[in-house]
Amino acid sequence: MTALAWLIPAALILGALGLGAFLWALKTGQFEDMDGAAYRALEDDPPEDESK
């Protein structure tokens, strides 16, 4: 029974942290361009050198 006294609050805290991280990612626009990274990985063109 003592284990439940530790596991239930730990699960609630970890769940709240996960929800907070997800909401932060939504707020900062992490999910705006889901297809862009997939297409950039398939491109054959080398990245342009901007130092020129």
PDB file of N, CA and C in Angstrom:
ATOM      1  N   MET A   1       0.815  -1.194   0.000  1.00  0.00           N
ATOM      2  CA  MET A   1       0.000   0.000   0.000  1.00  0.00           C
ATOM      3  C   MET A   1       0.863   1.265   0.000  1.00  0.00           C
ATOM      4  N   THR A   2       2.043   1.181   0.598  1.00  0.00           N
ATOM      5  CA  THR A   2       2.934   2.331   0.628  1.00  0.00           C
ATOM      6  C   THR A   2       3.422   2.675  -0.773  1.00  0.00           C
ATOM      7  N   ALA A   3       3.567   1.651  -1.611  1.00  0.00           N
ATOM      8  CA  ALA A   3       4.030   1.896  -2.971  1.00  0.00           C
ATOM      9  C   ALA A   3       3.030   2.747  -3.746  1.00  0.00           C
ATOM     10  N   LEU A   4       1.746   2.539  -3.517  1.00  0.00           N
ATOM     11  CA  LEU A   4       0.733   3.346  -4.192  1.00  0.00           C
ATOM     12  C   LEU A   4       0.793   4.802  -3.754  1.00  0.00           C
ATOM     13  N   ALA A   5       1.190   5.040  -2.531  1.00  0.00           N
ATOM     14  CA  ALA A   5       1.310   6.409  -2.052  1.00  0.00           C
ATOM     15  C   ALA A   5       2.411   7.153  -2.798  1.00  0.00           C
ATOM     16  N   TRP A   6       3.385   6.449  -3.330  1.00  0.00           N
ATOM     17  CA  TRP A   6       4.456   7.062  -4.127  1.00  0.00           C
ATOM     18  C   TRP A   6       4.122   7.037  -5.624  1.00  0.00           C
ATOM     19  N   LEU A   7       3.540   5.954  -6.094  1.00  0.00           N
ATOM     20  CA  LEU A   7       3.320   5.801  -7.531  1.00  0.00           C
ATOM     21  C   LEU A   7       2.220   6.710  -8.068  1.00  0.00           C
ATOM     22  N   ILE A   8       1.143   6.887  -7.345  1.00  0.00           N
ATOM     23  CA  ILE A   8       0.044   7.725  -7.844  1.00  0.00           C
ATOM     24  C   ILE A   8       0.472   9.187  -7.981  1.00  0.00           C
ATOM     25  N   PRO A   9       1.086   9.805  -6.973  1.00  0.00           N
ATOM     26  CA  PRO A   9       1.549  11.186  -7.182  1.00  0.00           C
ATOM     27  C   PRO A   9       2.630  11.296  -8.257  1.00  0.00           C
ATOM     28  N   ALA A  10       3.518  10.300  -8.331  1.00  0.00           N
ATOM     29  CA  ALA A  10       4.561  10.335  -9.357  1.00  0.00           C
ATOM     30  C   ALA A  10       3.936  10.280 -10.751  1.00  0.00           C
ATOM     31  N   ALA A  11       2.918   9.439 -10.932  1.00  0.00           N
ATOM     32  CA  ALA A  11       2.246   9.342 -12.229  1.00  0.00           C
ATOM     33  C   ALA A  11       1.532  10.645 -12.564  1.00  0.00           C
ATOM     34  N   LEU A  12       0.911  11.260 -11.576  1.00  0.00           N
ATOM     35  CA  LEU A  12       0.225  12.531 -11.827  1.00  0.00           C
ATOM     36  C   LEU A  12       1.209  13.634 -12.174  1.00  0.00           C
ATOM     37  N   ILE A  13       2.333  13.679 -11.489  1.00  0.00           N
ATOM     38  CA  ILE A  13       3.346  14.706 -11.773  1.00  0.00           C
ATOM     39  C   ILE A  13       3.940  14.502 -13.162  1.00  0.00           C
ATOM     40  N   LEU A  14       4.271  13.266 -13.513  1.00  0.00           N
ATOM     41  CA  LEU A  14       4.833  12.998 -14.839  1.00  0.00           C
ATOM     42  C   LEU A  14       3.815  13.282 -15.943  1.00  0.00           C
ATOM     43  N   GLY A  15       2.560  12.973 -15.697  1.00  0.00           N
ATOM     44  CA  GLY A  15       1.513  13.283 -16.667  1.00  0.00           C
ATOM     45  C   GLY A  15       1.357  14.782 -16.864  1.00  0.00           C
ATOM     46  N   ALA A  16       1.416  15.533 -15.763  1.00  0.00           N
ATOM     47  CA  ALA A  16       1.322  16.993 -15.859  1.00  0.00           C
ATOM     48  C   ALA A  16       2.527  17.571 -16.601  1.00  0.00           C
ATOM     49  N   LEU A  17       3.715  17.013 -16.354  1.00  0.00           N
ATOM     50  CA  LEU A  17       4.904  17.477 -17.088  1.00  0.00           C
ATOM     51  C   LEU A  17       4.777  17.190 -18.580  1.00  0.00           C
ATOM     52  N   GLY A  18       4.289  16.016 -18.931  1.00  0.00           N
ATOM     53  CA  GLY A  18       4.095  15.681 -20.339  1.00  0.00           C
ATOM     54  C   GLY A  18       3.074  16.580 -21.008  1.00  0.00           C
ATOM     55  N   LEU A  19       1.981  16.841 -20.308  1.00  0.00           N
ATOM     56  CA  LEU A  19       0.960  17.736 -20.851  1.00  0.00           C
ATOM     57  C   LEU A  19       1.507  19.147 -21.002  1.00  0.00           C
ATOM     58  N   GLY A  20       2.274  19.593 -20.025  1.00  0.00           N
ATOM     59  CA  GLY A  20       2.884  20.918 -20.120  1.00  0.00           C
ATOM     60  C   GLY A  20       3.847  21.028 -21.288  1.00  0.00           C
ATOM     61  N   ALA A  21       4.658  19.989 -21.511  1.00  0.00           N
ATOM     62  CA  ALA A  21       5.590  19.999 -22.641  1.00  0.00           C
ATOM     63  C   ALA A  21       4.838  20.010 -23.968  1.00  0.00           C
ATOM     64  N   PHE A  22       3.751  19.267 -24.049  1.00  0.00           N
ATOM     65  CA  PHE A  22       2.961  19.234 -25.272  1.00  0.00           C
ATOM     66  C   PHE A  22       2.315  20.592 -25.542  1.00  0.00           C
ATOM     67  N   LEU A  23       1.753  21.202 -24.516  1.00  0.00           N
ATOM     68  CA  LEU A  23       1.136  22.514 -24.699  1.00  0.00           C
ATOM     69  C   LEU A  23       2.172  23.570 -25.057  1.00  0.00           C
ATOM     70  N   TRP A  24       3.359  23.477 -24.471  1.00  0.00           N
ATOM     71  CA  TRP A  24       4.441  24.402 -24.830  1.00  0.00           C
ATOM     72  C   TRP A  24       4.813  24.238 -26.301  1.00  0.00           C
ATOM     73  N   ALA A  25       4.896  22.982 -26.767  1.00  0.00           N
ATOM     74  CA  ALA A  25       5.242  22.734 -28.166  1.00  0.00           C
ATOM     75  C   ALA A  25       4.167  23.289 -29.098  1.00  0.00           C
ATOM     76  N   LEU A  26       2.913  23.161 -28.722  1.00  0.00           N
ATOM     77  CA  LEU A  26       1.845  23.746 -29.535  1.00  0.00           C
ATOM     78  C   LEU A  26       1.943  25.263 -29.570  1.00  0.00           C
ATOM     79  N   LYS A  27       2.218  25.858 -28.425  1.00  0.00           N
ATOM     80  CA  LYS A  27       2.274  27.320 -28.322  1.00  0.00           C
ATOM     81  C   LYS A  27       3.433  27.907 -29.124  1.00  0.00           C
ATOM     82  N   THR A  28       4.573  27.210 -29.174  1.00  0.00           N
ATOM     83  CA  THR A  28       5.740  27.739 -29.870  1.00  0.00           C
ATOM     84  C   THR A  28       5.786  27.350 -31.346  1.00  0.00           C
ATOM     85  N   GLY A  29       4.766  26.660 -31.849  1.00  0.00           N
ATOM     86  CA  GLY A  29       4.684  26.365 -33.282  1.00  0.00           C
ATOM     87  C   GLY A  29       5.523  25.190 -33.744  1.00  0.00           C
ATOM     88  N   GLN A  30       5.767  24.236 -32.891  1.00  0.00           N
ATOM     89  CA  GLN A  30       6.589  23.090 -33.265  1.00  0.00           C
ATOM     90  C   GLN A  30       5.898  22.187 -34.282  1.00  0.00           C
ATOM     91  N   PHE A  31       4.582  22.264 -34.388  1.00  0.00           N
ATOM     92  CA  PHE A  31       3.833  21.378 -35.273  1.00  0.00           C
ATOM     93  C   PHE A  31       3.281  22.102 -36.492  1.00  0.00           C
ATOM     94  N   GLU A  32       3.828  23.243 -36.840  1.00  0.00           N
ATOM     95  CA  GLU A  32       3.310  24.028 -37.956  1.00  0.00           C
ATOM     96  C   GLU A  32       3.641  23.413 -39.313  1.00  0.00           C
ATOM     97  N   ASP A  33       4.849  22.931 -39.510  1.00  0.00           N
ATOM     98  CA  ASP A  33       5.287  22.417 -40.814  1.00  0.00           C
ATOM     99  C   ASP A  33       5.696  20.963 -40.665  1.00  0.00           C
ATOM    100  N   MET A  34       4.714  20.066 -40.665  1.00  0.00           N
ATOM    101  CA  MET A  34       4.996  18.649 -40.445  1.00  0.00           C
ATOM    102  C   MET A  34       5.619  17.989 -41.683  1.00  0.00           C
ATOM    103  N   ASP A  35       5.298  18.487 -42.884  1.00  0.00           N
ATOM    104  CA  ASP A  35       5.795  17.858 -44.110  1.00  0.00           C
ATOM    105  C   ASP A  35       7.126  18.431 -44.569  1.00  0.00           C
ATOM    106  N   GLY A  36       7.501  19.587 -44.126  1.00  0.00           N
ATOM    107  CA  GLY A  36       8.713  20.241 -44.603  1.00  0.00           C
ATOM    108  C   GLY A  36       9.972  19.447 -44.318  1.00  0.00           C
ATOM    109  N   ALA A  37      10.129  18.941 -43.108  1.00  0.00           N
ATOM    110  CA  ALA A  37      11.322  18.183 -42.760  1.00  0.00           C
ATOM    111  C   ALA A  37      11.396  16.881 -43.547  1.00  0.00           C
ATOM    112  N   ALA A  38      10.263  16.265 -43.811  1.00  0.00           N
ATOM    113  CA  ALA A  38      10.250  15.014 -44.572  1.00  0.00           C
ATOM    114  C   ALA A  38      10.713  15.257 -46.011  1.00  0.00           C
ATOM    115  N   TYR A  39      10.264  16.348 -46.619  1.00  0.00           N
ATOM    116  CA  TYR A  39      10.683  16.646 -47.988  1.00  0.00           C
ATOM    117  C   TYR A  39      12.146  17.081 -48.050  1.00  0.00           C
ATOM    118  N   ARG A  40      12.604  17.826 -47.056  1.00  0.00           N
ATOM    119  CA  ARG A  40      14.012  18.247 -47.047  1.00  0.00           C
ATOM    120  C   ARG A  40      14.942  17.051 -46.907  1.00  0.00           C
ATOM    121  N   ALA A  41      14.517  16.000 -46.227  1.00  0.00           N
ATOM    122  CA  ALA A  41      15.359  14.816 -46.077  1.00  0.00           C
ATOM    123  C   ALA A  41      15.505  14.077 -47.399  1.00  0.00           C
ATOM    124  N   LEU A  42      14.534  14.231 -48.300  1.00  0.00           N
ATOM    125  CA  LEU A  42      14.564  13.514 -49.572  1.00  0.00           C
ATOM    126  C   LEU A  42      15.219  14.299 -50.702  1.00  0.00           C
ATOM    127  N   GLU A  43      15.497  15.572 -50.492  1.00  0.00           N
ATOM    128  CA  GLU A  43      16.088  16.389 -51.546  1.00  0.00           C
ATOM    129  C   GLU A  43      17.513  15.945 -51.840  1.00  0.00           C
ATOM    130  N   ASP A  44      17.873  15.961 -53.135  1.00  0.00           N
ATOM    131  CA  ASP A  44      19.229  15.597 -53.540  1.00  0.00           C
ATOM    132  C   ASP A  44      20.166  16.787 -53.584  1.00  0.00           C
ATOM    133  N   ASP A  45      19.633  17.985 -53.631  1.00  0.00           N
ATOM    134  CA  ASP A  45      20.460  19.186 -53.727  1.00  0.00           C
ATOM    135  C   ASP A  45      21.229  19.392 -52.424  1.00  0.00           C
ATOM    136  N   PRO A  46      22.512  19.692 -52.529  1.00  0.00           N
ATOM    137  CA  PRO A  46      23.267  20.007 -51.293  1.00  0.00           C
ATOM    138  C   PRO A  46      22.791  21.348 -50.740  1.00  0.00           C
ATOM    139  N   PRO A  47      22.921  21.556 -49.451  1.00  0.00           N
ATOM    140  CA  PRO A  47      22.505  22.848 -48.896  1.00  0.00           C
ATOM    141  C   PRO A  47      23.367  23.975 -49.437  1.00  0.00           C
ATOM    142  N   GLU A  48      22.741  25.125 -49.641  1.00  0.00           N
ATOM    143  CA  GLU A  48      23.468  26.279 -50.174  1.00  0.00           C
ATOM    144  C   GLU A  48      24.413  26.843 -49.117  1.00  0.00           C
ATOM    145  N   ASP A  49      25.602  27.203 -49.565  1.00  0.00           N
ATOM    146  CA  ASP A  49      26.578  27.800 -48.670  1.00  0.00           C
ATOM    147  C   ASP A  49      26.302  29.294 -48.590  1.00  0.00           C
ATOM    148  N   GLU A  50      25.864  29.770 -47.433  1.00  0.00           N
ATOM    149  CA  GLU A  50      25.491  31.171 -47.285  1.00  0.00           C
ATOM    150  C   GLU A  50      26.677  32.063 -46.935  1.00  0.00           C
ATOM    151  N   SER A  51      27.861  31.491 -46.790  1.00  0.00           N
ATOM    152  CA  SER A  51      29.020  32.300 -46.424  1.00  0.00           C
ATOM    153  C   SER A  51      29.645  33.011 -47.619  1.00  0.00           C
ATOM    154  N   LYS A  52      29.173  32.723 -48.803  1.00  0.00           N
ATOM    155  CA  LYS A  52      29.738  33.370 -50.024  1.00  0.00           C
ATOM    156  C   LYS A  52      29.195  34.748 -50.220  1.00  0.00           C
TER     157      LYS A  52
END
